[in-house]
Amino acid sequence: MLVPVAYRNLLETDFVVDLYRERMQIEQSFRDFKTHLGLRGLNLQIDIAPRMGRLLLAFCLAYILCVLLGESSLRQQARRGFETPRHTARHGTRRTLSALSIAMLVLFHPAWVERAIALLLRLICKATAPRPLLSATQLYLRQALGP
């Protein structure tokens, strides 16, 4: 790499080489990121429907996980810290925060985030654990009654 003579007093060659090296590391990071996401060689002329479907599916899964987190064992402890109950009940409750609001608060509050993430990971592991298609009772009935 050469720095034009007119700019050598402003930018030293070593400094320019270091900048270029950093730029290349950023480019490599983008390449790796696209590869891991399966976007390498992405053609931008894509069908919007499947992409939107995947985006909505991801959003729905995130929403479900947040609601489950807001209804989890952390709920009561977090509610005491974050919620100011109404003076009079409205729609049968004095609560002001939804399960989703509780989840968002515990995910972003420094005192709660570690517990919230640990619980989310347990929820995800439980949801993705392999289970038999038939319960023990169903298996027993099949064996007893035949096909």
Protein backbone atom coordinates (compact mmCIF):
# COMPACT_ATOMS: atom_id res chain seq x y z
CA MET A 1 0.00 0.00 0.00
CA LEU A 2 1.20 3.41 -0.86
CA VAL A 3 0.20 6.68 0.70
CA PRO A 4 0.26 9.56 -1.81
CA VAL A 5 3.21 11.87 -1.25
CA ALA A 6 0.94 14.85 -0.52
CA TYR A 7 -0.63 12.99 2.42
CA ARG A 8 2.42 11.33 3.97
CA ASN A 9 2.75 14.07 6.57
CA LEU A 10 -0.90 13.51 7.60
CA LEU A 11 -1.01 9.70 7.41
CA GLU A 12 1.95 7.46 8.00
CA THR A 13 2.13 4.33 5.88
CA ASP A 14 2.10 2.04 8.95
CA PHE A 15 -1.07 3.74 10.21
CA VAL A 16 -2.80 3.30 6.83
CA VAL A 17 -1.80 -0.38 6.73
CA ASP A 18 -3.24 -0.88 10.24
CA LEU A 19 -6.51 0.79 9.17
CA TYR A 20 -6.73 -1.43 6.11
CA ARG A 21 -6.06 -4.53 8.24
CA GLU A 22 -8.92 -3.56 10.57
CA ARG A 23 -11.20 -3.01 7.60
CA MET A 24 -10.39 -6.48 6.28
CA GLN A 25 -11.17 -8.02 9.68
CA ILE A 26 -14.57 -6.34 9.58
CA GLU A 27 -15.18 -7.68 6.04
CA GLN A 28 -14.20 -11.18 7.17
CA SER A 29 -16.57 -10.89 10.14
CA PHE A 30 -19.41 -9.97 7.80
CA ARG A 31 -18.54 -12.91 5.55
CA ASP A 32 -18.51 -15.32 8.52
CA PHE A 33 -21.77 -13.88 9.82
CA LYS A 34 -23.47 -14.37 6.43
CA THR A 35 -22.08 -17.89 6.17
CA HIS A 36 -23.37 -18.93 9.60
CA LEU A 37 -26.80 -17.47 8.85
CA GLY A 38 -26.92 -19.29 5.53
CA LEU A 39 -26.93 -16.02 3.59
CA ARG A 40 -23.67 -16.48 1.71
CA GLY A 41 -24.27 -16.03 -1.98
CA LEU A 42 -27.69 -14.56 -1.24
CA ASN A 43 -29.53 -13.44 -4.32
CA LEU A 44 -31.52 -10.35 -3.42
CA GLN A 45 -34.24 -11.20 -5.93
CA ILE A 46 -36.03 -13.43 -3.43
CA ASP A 47 -39.59 -14.47 -2.86
CA ILE A 48 -40.85 -12.27 -0.04
CA ALA A 49 -43.50 -14.72 1.24
CA PRO A 50 -41.16 -17.42 2.64
CA ARG A 51 -38.88 -14.77 4.11
CA MET A 52 -41.81 -13.00 5.77
CA GLY A 53 -43.09 -16.37 6.99
CA ARG A 54 -39.77 -17.13 8.67
CA LEU A 55 -39.69 -13.67 10.20
CA LEU A 56 -43.23 -14.05 11.57
CA LEU A 57 -42.43 -17.52 12.89
CA ALA A 58 -39.35 -16.18 14.70
CA PHE A 59 -41.41 -13.31 16.11
CA CYS A 60 -44.14 -15.69 17.32
CA LEU A 61 -41.60 -17.98 18.98
CA ALA A 62 -39.96 -15.01 20.72
CA TYR A 63 -43.39 -13.76 21.81
CA ILE A 64 -44.37 -17.18 23.22
CA LEU A 65 -41.06 -17.48 25.09
CA CYS A 66 -41.51 -14.00 26.58
CA VAL A 67 -45.06 -14.75 27.73
CA LEU A 68 -43.88 -18.04 29.27
CA LEU A 69 -41.10 -16.15 31.03
CA GLY A 70 -43.67 -13.62 32.30
CA GLU A 71 -45.77 -16.48 33.67
CA SER A 72 -42.82 -18.37 35.17
CA SER A 73 -41.61 -18.67 38.73
CA LEU A 74 -39.89 -15.27 38.44
CA ARG A 75 -43.27 -13.61 37.92
CA GLN A 76 -44.26 -13.04 41.54
CA GLN A 77 -40.86 -11.75 42.66
CA ALA A 78 -40.57 -9.44 39.66
CA ARG A 79 -44.15 -8.22 40.00
CA ARG A 80 -43.45 -7.07 43.57
CA GLY A 81 -40.47 -5.06 42.37
CA PHE A 82 -41.87 -3.57 39.18
CA GLU A 83 -45.61 -3.23 39.57
CA THR A 84 -47.70 -0.60 41.29
CA PRO A 85 -51.15 -2.18 41.79
CA ARG A 86 -54.30 -0.22 40.96
CA HIS A 87 -56.29 1.15 43.91
CA THR A 88 -59.46 -0.44 42.62
CA ALA A 89 -59.78 -3.57 40.55
CA ARG A 90 -60.34 -3.21 36.82
CA HIS A 91 -61.53 -6.18 34.78
CA GLY A 92 -61.28 -8.28 37.92
CA THR A 93 -57.64 -7.51 38.75
CA ARG A 94 -55.52 -4.85 40.41
CA ARG A 95 -52.51 -5.77 38.27
CA THR A 96 -51.13 -3.22 35.81
CA LEU A 97 -48.46 -5.29 34.05
CA SER A 98 -49.06 -8.13 31.61
CA ALA A 99 -46.98 -11.29 31.46
CA LEU A 100 -45.23 -9.86 28.41
CA SER A 101 -44.43 -6.61 30.24
CA ILE A 102 -42.98 -8.54 33.18
CA ALA A 103 -40.82 -10.59 30.80
CA MET A 104 -39.51 -7.50 29.02
CA LEU A 105 -38.68 -5.82 32.33
CA VAL A 106 -36.76 -8.80 33.72
CA LEU A 107 -34.89 -9.27 30.44
CA PHE A 108 -33.64 -5.69 30.43
CA HIS A 109 -33.12 -4.99 34.13
CA PRO A 110 -29.50 -5.62 35.24
CA ALA A 111 -30.59 -7.19 38.54
CA TRP A 112 -32.84 -9.71 36.79
CA VAL A 113 -31.30 -10.44 33.40
CA GLU A 114 -29.10 -13.40 34.43
CA ARG A 115 -31.98 -15.22 36.12
CA ALA A 116 -34.30 -14.41 33.22
CA ILE A 117 -31.89 -15.74 30.60
CA ALA A 118 -31.19 -18.88 32.64
CA LEU A 119 -34.93 -19.51 32.89
CA LEU A 120 -35.41 -18.85 29.17
CA LEU A 121 -32.71 -21.39 28.37
CA ARG A 122 -34.43 -23.96 30.61
CA LEU A 123 -37.74 -23.25 28.84
CA ILE A 124 -36.11 -23.70 25.43
CA CYS A 125 -34.39 -26.94 26.50
CA LYS A 126 -37.65 -28.28 27.89
CA ALA A 127 -39.55 -27.33 24.74
CA THR A 128 -36.99 -28.94 22.45
CA ALA A 129 -36.43 -32.11 24.50
CA PRO A 130 -37.31 -35.25 22.56
CA ARG A 131 -40.52 -36.87 23.76
CA PRO A 132 -42.27 -40.06 22.74
CA LEU A 133 -45.19 -39.54 20.39
CA LEU A 134 -47.40 -41.74 22.55
CA SER A 135 -47.80 -41.58 26.30
CA ALA A 136 -47.28 -44.66 28.48
CA THR A 137 -51.07 -45.00 28.82
CA GLN A 138 -51.57 -44.90 25.05
CA LEU A 139 -48.84 -47.51 24.57
CA TYR A 140 -50.45 -49.78 27.18
CA LEU A 141 -53.88 -49.46 25.54
CA ARG A 142 -52.43 -50.25 22.11
CA GLN A 143 -50.71 -53.33 23.44
CA ALA A 144 -53.79 -54.46 25.37
CA LEU A 145 -56.35 -53.78 22.64
CA GLY A 146 -54.18 -54.54 19.64
CA PRO A 147 -53.79 -52.41 16.51
